[in-house]
Amino acid sequence: MVEFAIRSARRQDALAGAPFHTWAFPDGTLWLQFHRDADGYLLRFPEFADFHVSPDGIRVTCLPTPDVSNATIQHLYFNQVLPLALSRAGTLVFHASAVEVGTGAVAFMGESGRGKSTLAALFCTSGYRFLTDDGLAVEEAEGRYRVLPSQPSIRLWEDSEAALIHTGARRAEPVDYTSKARILADDAVAHCNQPRMLRRVYFLGTGEADTVRIEPVTPSEAFVELVKHSFLLDIEARDLITAQFHQLSRLALESVYFRLDYPRRFELLDDVQRAIVRDCCD
């Protein structure tokens, strides 16, 4: 469990020294700076907030800027900072969504824009439940792996929302840095709040396929994909990297990995869902 506290708002002071890592948007706009300080780590979202993370990842303190909304702070914490803090505490966390199929968890992993949230929304509005929209946490339990549920909300672009979400769905307060809608779970957008054993992981393709294609991948291919899509707070901490690689190498040996590609057309999503459910039940 990570402890989270929000302090009084303040303007962001200039920081001494360059960050040891950064995240940026595809257009090059700086999004997140990673710094070390005397109290562990400082994660700076320029113009929005500074998040201080303890060296062991179990405590996070936020110092928002004066005009940022509470919804934005909560969104940054749960979707960006918490996965990083959990990774420092030793939990495996991935950029992935996951849904409950039968008694197991089915995960969708891939780069931004590949359809992770759309697939989660597809399932949770058609008789299934979603576990997480992003920040997929996995833990080992008695030699098996289970997926932990996260926040009961899904973020969708306007076209996916229009195609999949009922008109009366509850929406969270908008945040300051994205036009994505955050849809809150309800009876029609069903959320699973209990861990589920990992049953499948689908690495999402580019959408260039002319039909639904599901193909198995080797453990070595799975390992590369798992590394690529992992959250990692400190990319320079050798002990952390070594421990995570060891965990990922074990996880990659599970016989649950497939590559999934399909045409990105909403009218074909029912076919995609049927193919996934059929594959899981074989």
Protein backbone atom coordinates (compact mmCIF):
# COMPACT_ATOMS: atom_id res chain seq x y z
CA MET A 1 0.00 0.00 0.00
CA VAL A 2 1.31 3.44 -0.98
CA GLU A 3 0.57 6.39 1.32
CA PHE A 4 -0.50 9.53 -0.54
CA ALA A 5 -0.79 13.09 0.78
CA ILE A 6 -1.46 16.46 -0.89
CA ARG A 7 0.21 19.58 0.54
CA SER A 8 -0.56 23.25 0.02
CA ALA A 9 -0.25 24.62 -3.49
CA ARG A 10 2.90 26.47 -4.47
CA ARG A 11 4.70 27.60 -7.58
CA GLN A 12 7.39 25.34 -8.96
CA ASP A 13 10.88 26.55 -8.10
CA ALA A 14 13.80 26.02 -10.44
CA LEU A 15 15.58 22.74 -9.71
CA ALA A 16 19.34 22.37 -9.36
CA GLY A 17 20.77 19.90 -11.83
CA ALA A 18 19.34 18.17 -14.85
CA PRO A 19 16.80 15.34 -14.57
CA PHE A 20 18.18 11.83 -14.89
CA HIS A 21 15.24 10.88 -17.11
CA THR A 22 12.32 12.56 -18.91
CA TRP A 23 9.10 11.63 -20.64
CA ALA A 24 7.86 13.65 -23.59
CA PHE A 25 4.86 13.64 -25.92
CA PRO A 26 5.34 12.52 -29.55
CA ASP A 27 5.62 16.18 -30.61
CA GLY A 28 8.55 16.64 -28.22
CA THR A 29 6.66 18.55 -25.51
CA LEU A 30 8.14 17.79 -22.10
CA TRP A 31 5.70 15.90 -19.88
CA LEU A 32 7.58 14.55 -16.87
CA GLN A 33 11.02 15.11 -15.32
CA PHE A 34 12.63 12.56 -13.00
CA HIS A 35 14.96 13.96 -10.32
CA ARG A 36 16.61 12.59 -7.21
CA ASP A 37 16.61 14.60 -4.00
CA ALA A 38 17.46 14.15 -0.34
CA ASP A 39 14.07 12.53 0.32
CA GLY A 40 14.13 10.06 -2.58
CA TYR A 41 12.68 11.14 -5.90
CA LEU A 42 10.98 14.23 -7.26
CA LEU A 43 8.68 13.79 -10.24
CA ARG A 44 7.87 17.12 -11.86
CA PHE A 45 4.96 17.66 -14.22
CA PRO A 46 5.73 21.18 -15.48
CA GLU A 47 2.95 23.67 -14.66
CA PHE A 48 0.92 21.03 -12.79
CA ALA A 49 2.59 19.49 -9.75
CA ASP A 50 5.67 18.06 -8.06
CA PHE A 51 5.39 14.59 -6.55
CA HIS A 52 7.93 13.49 -3.93
CA VAL A 53 8.38 9.71 -3.75
CA SER A 54 10.18 8.06 -0.83
CA PRO A 55 13.27 5.95 -1.64
CA ASP A 56 11.29 2.72 -1.13
CA GLY A 57 8.27 3.93 -3.09
CA ILE A 58 5.75 3.55 -0.26
CA ARG A 59 5.07 7.25 0.39
CA VAL A 60 4.09 9.94 -2.11
CA THR A 61 3.54 13.62 -1.36
CA CYS A 62 2.12 16.04 -3.92
CA LEU A 63 2.76 19.78 -4.10
CA PRO A 64 0.33 21.11 -6.73
CA THR A 65 0.67 24.44 -8.51
CA PRO A 66 -1.87 27.10 -7.44
CA ASP A 67 -4.37 26.80 -10.29
CA VAL A 68 -4.39 23.06 -10.95
CA SER A 69 -7.62 21.18 -10.22
CA ASN A 70 -7.94 18.38 -7.68
CA ALA A 71 -9.22 16.13 -10.48
CA THR A 72 -5.97 16.69 -12.36
CA ILE A 73 -3.89 15.87 -9.27
CA GLN A 74 -5.81 12.66 -8.63
CA HIS A 75 -5.52 11.68 -12.28
CA LEU A 76 -1.78 12.30 -12.36
CA TYR A 77 -1.31 10.31 -9.18
CA PHE A 78 -3.33 7.23 -10.06
CA ASN A 79 -2.33 7.00 -13.73
CA GLN A 80 1.28 8.20 -13.73
CA VAL A 81 2.85 8.43 -10.28
CA LEU A 82 1.35 5.45 -8.45
CA PRO A 83 2.53 2.90 -11.05
CA LEU A 84 6.04 4.36 -10.80
CA ALA A 85 5.99 4.27 -7.01
CA LEU A 86 4.74 0.67 -7.04
CA SER A 87 7.57 -0.27 -9.38
CA ARG A 88 10.09 1.15 -6.88
CA ALA A 89 8.41 -0.89 -4.15
CA GLY A 90 8.99 -4.06 -6.21
CA THR A 91 5.62 -4.54 -7.91
CA LEU A 92 5.47 -5.27 -11.63
CA VAL A 93 3.33 -2.61 -13.33
CA PHE A 94 2.65 -2.33 -17.07
CA HIS A 95 1.10 0.06 -19.55
CA ALA A 96 -1.88 -2.22 -20.16
CA SER A 97 -5.60 -2.64 -19.64
CA ALA A 98 -7.24 -5.82 -18.34
CA VAL A 99 -10.69 -7.40 -18.24
CA GLU A 100 -12.23 -10.36 -16.48
CA VAL A 101 -13.13 -13.30 -18.73
CA GLY A 102 -14.54 -16.27 -16.86
CA THR A 103 -12.54 -16.41 -13.64
CA GLY A 104 -9.31 -15.06 -15.14
CA ALA A 105 -7.76 -11.79 -16.27
CA VAL A 106 -7.11 -10.95 -19.91
CA ALA A 107 -4.65 -8.11 -20.51
CA PHE A 108 -4.09 -5.87 -23.53
CA MET A 109 -0.62 -4.38 -23.79
CA GLY A 110 0.79 -1.94 -26.32
CA GLU A 111 1.83 1.59 -27.17
CA SER A 112 -0.51 4.54 -26.75
CA GLY A 113 -3.18 4.56 -29.43
CA ARG A 114 -3.18 0.81 -30.02
CA GLY A 115 -6.65 0.35 -28.45
CA LYS A 116 -6.06 -0.84 -24.87
CA SER A 117 -8.82 1.30 -23.37
CA THR A 118 -11.18 0.70 -26.27
CA LEU A 119 -10.94 -3.06 -25.75
CA ALA A 120 -11.49 -2.66 -22.01
CA ALA A 121 -14.58 -0.56 -22.73
CA LEU A 122 -15.82 -3.09 -25.29
CA PHE A 123 -15.76 -5.89 -22.74
CA CYS A 124 -17.09 -4.02 -19.73
CA THR A 125 -20.14 -2.77 -21.64
CA SER A 126 -21.08 -6.19 -23.01
CA GLY A 127 -21.37 -8.55 -20.07
CA TYR A 128 -17.81 -8.61 -18.71
CA ARG A 129 -15.96 -6.49 -16.15
CA PHE A 130 -12.73 -4.50 -16.41
CA LEU A 131 -9.94 -4.65 -13.84
CA THR A 132 -7.86 -1.71 -15.00
CA ASP A 133 -7.70 0.78 -17.83
CA ASP A 134 -3.96 1.36 -17.42
CA GLY A 135 -1.30 0.75 -14.81
CA LEU A 136 -1.70 -3.03 -14.79
CA ALA A 137 -0.18 -4.37 -11.56
CA VAL A 138 0.80 -8.06 -11.44
CA GLU A 139 1.88 -10.02 -8.39
CA GLU A 140 3.07 -13.59 -7.90
CA ALA A 141 0.88 -15.79 -5.72
CA GLU A 142 1.82 -19.41 -4.99
CA GLY A 143 3.69 -19.85 -8.24
CA ARG A 144 1.04 -18.16 -10.35
CA TYR A 145 0.41 -14.55 -11.33
CA ARG A 146 -2.62 -12.46 -10.62
CA VAL A 147 -3.78 -9.05 -11.84
CA LEU A 148 -4.72 -6.46 -9.23
CA PRO A 149 -7.70 -4.14 -9.82
CA SER A 150 -7.12 -0.41 -10.07
CA GLN A 151 -9.30 2.71 -10.20
CA PRO A 152 -12.88 2.07 -11.43
CA SER A 153 -12.74 4.37 -14.45
CA ILE A 154 -11.82 4.21 -18.12
CA ARG A 155 -10.30 6.99 -20.23
CA LEU A 156 -11.59 7.23 -23.81
CA TRP A 157 -11.26 9.49 -26.81
CA GLU A 158 -14.51 10.93 -28.13
CA ASP A 159 -14.95 8.42 -30.97
CA SER A 160 -14.54 5.39 -28.68
CA GLU A 161 -16.88 6.90 -26.11
CA ALA A 162 -19.53 7.55 -28.76
CA ALA A 163 -19.27 4.01 -30.12
CA LEU A 164 -19.22 2.09 -26.83
CA ILE A 165 -20.55 4.07 -23.85
CA HIS A 166 -24.23 4.66 -23.10
CA THR A 167 -25.41 8.25 -23.08
CA GLY A 168 -26.18 8.33 -19.36
CA ALA A 169 -22.74 7.16 -18.23
CA ARG A 170 -21.14 9.03 -15.35
CA ARG A 171 -18.15 11.14 -16.31
CA ALA A 172 -15.47 12.34 -13.94
CA GLU A 173 -14.53 16.00 -13.74
CA PRO A 174 -12.32 16.98 -16.71
CA VAL A 175 -8.59 17.26 -16.16
CA ASP A 176 -6.33 20.06 -17.32
CA TYR A 177 -4.05 18.28 -19.75
CA THR A 178 -6.14 15.94 -21.92
CA SER A 179 -9.47 15.97 -23.72
CA LYS A 180 -10.01 12.29 -23.01
CA ALA A 181 -13.21 11.60 -21.07
CA ARG A 182 -12.92 9.58 -17.87
CA ILE A 183 -15.92 7.27 -17.60
CA LEU A 184 -16.76 6.09 -14.10
CA ALA A 185 -17.83 2.51 -13.47
CA ASP A 186 -21.52 1.80 -12.94
CA ASP A 187 -23.95 -1.03 -13.70
CA ALA A 188 -23.42 -0.56 -17.44
CA VAL A 189 -19.64 0.01 -17.24
CA ALA A 190 -18.81 -2.91 -15.00
CA HIS A 191 -15.69 -2.99 -12.83
CA CYS A 192 -14.13 -5.99 -11.06
CA ASN A 193 -12.63 -5.02 -7.69
CA GLN A 194 -11.04 -8.38 -6.89
CA PRO A 195 -7.70 -9.83 -8.11
CA ARG A 196 -7.91 -12.34 -10.94
CA MET A 197 -5.37 -14.91 -12.10
CA LEU A 198 -3.59 -13.92 -15.32
CA ARG A 199 -5.06 -15.92 -18.19
CA ARG A 200 -3.93 -14.12 -21.35
CA VAL A 201 -1.75 -11.21 -22.42
CA TYR A 202 -2.33 -9.84 -25.91
CA PHE A 203 0.35 -7.58 -27.39
CA LEU A 204 -1.55 -5.23 -29.70
CA GLY A 205 -0.47 -4.75 -33.30
CA THR A 206 -0.63 -1.65 -35.46
CA GLY A 207 -4.08 -2.26 -36.96
CA GLU A 208 -2.74 -3.05 -40.41
CA ALA A 209 -4.21 -6.58 -40.40
CA ASP A 210 -7.14 -7.18 -42.76
CA THR A 211 -8.87 -9.52 -40.29
CA VAL A 212 -8.59 -10.55 -36.65
CA ARG A 213 -5.28 -12.31 -36.09
CA ILE A 214 -4.15 -14.01 -32.91
CA GLU A 215 -0.70 -15.60 -32.93
CA PRO A 216 1.37 -17.04 -30.07
CA VAL A 217 4.69 -15.44 -29.17
CA THR A 218 7.81 -17.08 -27.74
CA PRO A 219 9.01 -16.46 -24.17
CA SER A 220 11.91 -14.37 -25.49
CA GLU A 221 9.53 -12.22 -27.54
CA ALA A 222 7.24 -11.90 -24.54
CA PHE A 223 10.16 -10.79 -22.35
CA VAL A 224 11.07 -8.00 -24.78
CA GLU A 225 7.47 -6.77 -24.85
CA LEU A 226 7.14 -6.92 -21.07
CA VAL A 227 10.31 -4.86 -20.63
CA LYS A 228 9.13 -2.35 -23.23
CA HIS A 229 5.80 -1.75 -21.50
CA SER A 230 6.95 -1.77 -17.87
CA PHE A 231 6.82 1.18 -15.51
CA LEU A 232 10.21 1.79 -13.87
CA LEU A 233 10.87 4.73 -11.56
CA ASP A 234 14.67 4.68 -11.59
CA ILE A 235 16.20 3.56 -14.87
CA GLU A 236 19.71 3.97 -13.43
CA ALA A 237 19.32 1.88 -10.26
CA ARG A 238 21.11 -1.37 -11.06
CA ASP A 239 19.62 -3.26 -8.14
CA LEU A 240 16.10 -2.28 -9.20
CA ILE A 241 16.74 -3.12 -12.85
CA THR A 242 18.26 -6.48 -11.97
CA ALA A 243 15.36 -7.38 -9.70
CA GLN A 244 12.79 -6.34 -12.27
CA PHE A 245 14.50 -8.26 -15.10
CA HIS A 246 14.54 -11.34 -12.89
CA GLN A 247 10.82 -10.97 -12.21
CA LEU A 248 10.05 -10.36 -15.88
CA SER A 249 12.08 -13.35 -17.03
CA ARG A 250 9.99 -15.60 -14.79
CA LEU A 251 6.75 -13.99 -15.87
CA ALA A 252 7.70 -14.39 -19.55
CA LEU A 253 7.79 -18.18 -19.12
CA GLU A 254 4.02 -18.29 -18.55
CA SER A 255 2.13 -19.75 -21.53
CA VAL A 256 -0.25 -16.83 -21.84
CA TYR A 257 1.23 -14.53 -24.52
CA PHE A 258 -0.20 -13.79 -27.95
CA ARG A 259 0.00 -11.09 -30.56
CA LEU A 260 -3.37 -9.58 -31.48
CA ASP A 261 -4.03 -7.43 -34.51
CA TYR A 262 -7.25 -6.40 -36.21
CA PRO A 263 -8.61 -3.60 -38.42
CA ARG A 264 -9.31 -0.53 -36.30
CA ARG A 265 -13.00 -0.21 -37.22
CA PHE A 266 -15.68 0.00 -34.57
CA GLU A 267 -18.14 -2.13 -36.53
CA LEU A 268 -15.68 -5.06 -36.32
CA LEU A 269 -15.15 -4.93 -32.55
CA ASP A 270 -17.77 -7.62 -31.87
CA ASP A 271 -15.74 -9.97 -34.09
CA VAL A 272 -12.60 -9.06 -32.13
CA GLN A 273 -14.32 -9.81 -28.84
CA ARG A 274 -15.64 -13.16 -30.03
CA ALA A 275 -12.18 -14.16 -31.26
CA ILE A 276 -10.60 -13.23 -27.91
CA VAL A 277 -13.21 -15.10 -25.85
CA ARG A 278 -12.92 -18.14 -28.12
CA ASP A 279 -9.14 -18.09 -27.80
CA CYS A 280 -9.33 -17.83 -24.02
CA CYS A 281 -11.75 -20.74 -23.76
CA ASP A 282 -9.90 -23.15 -26.07
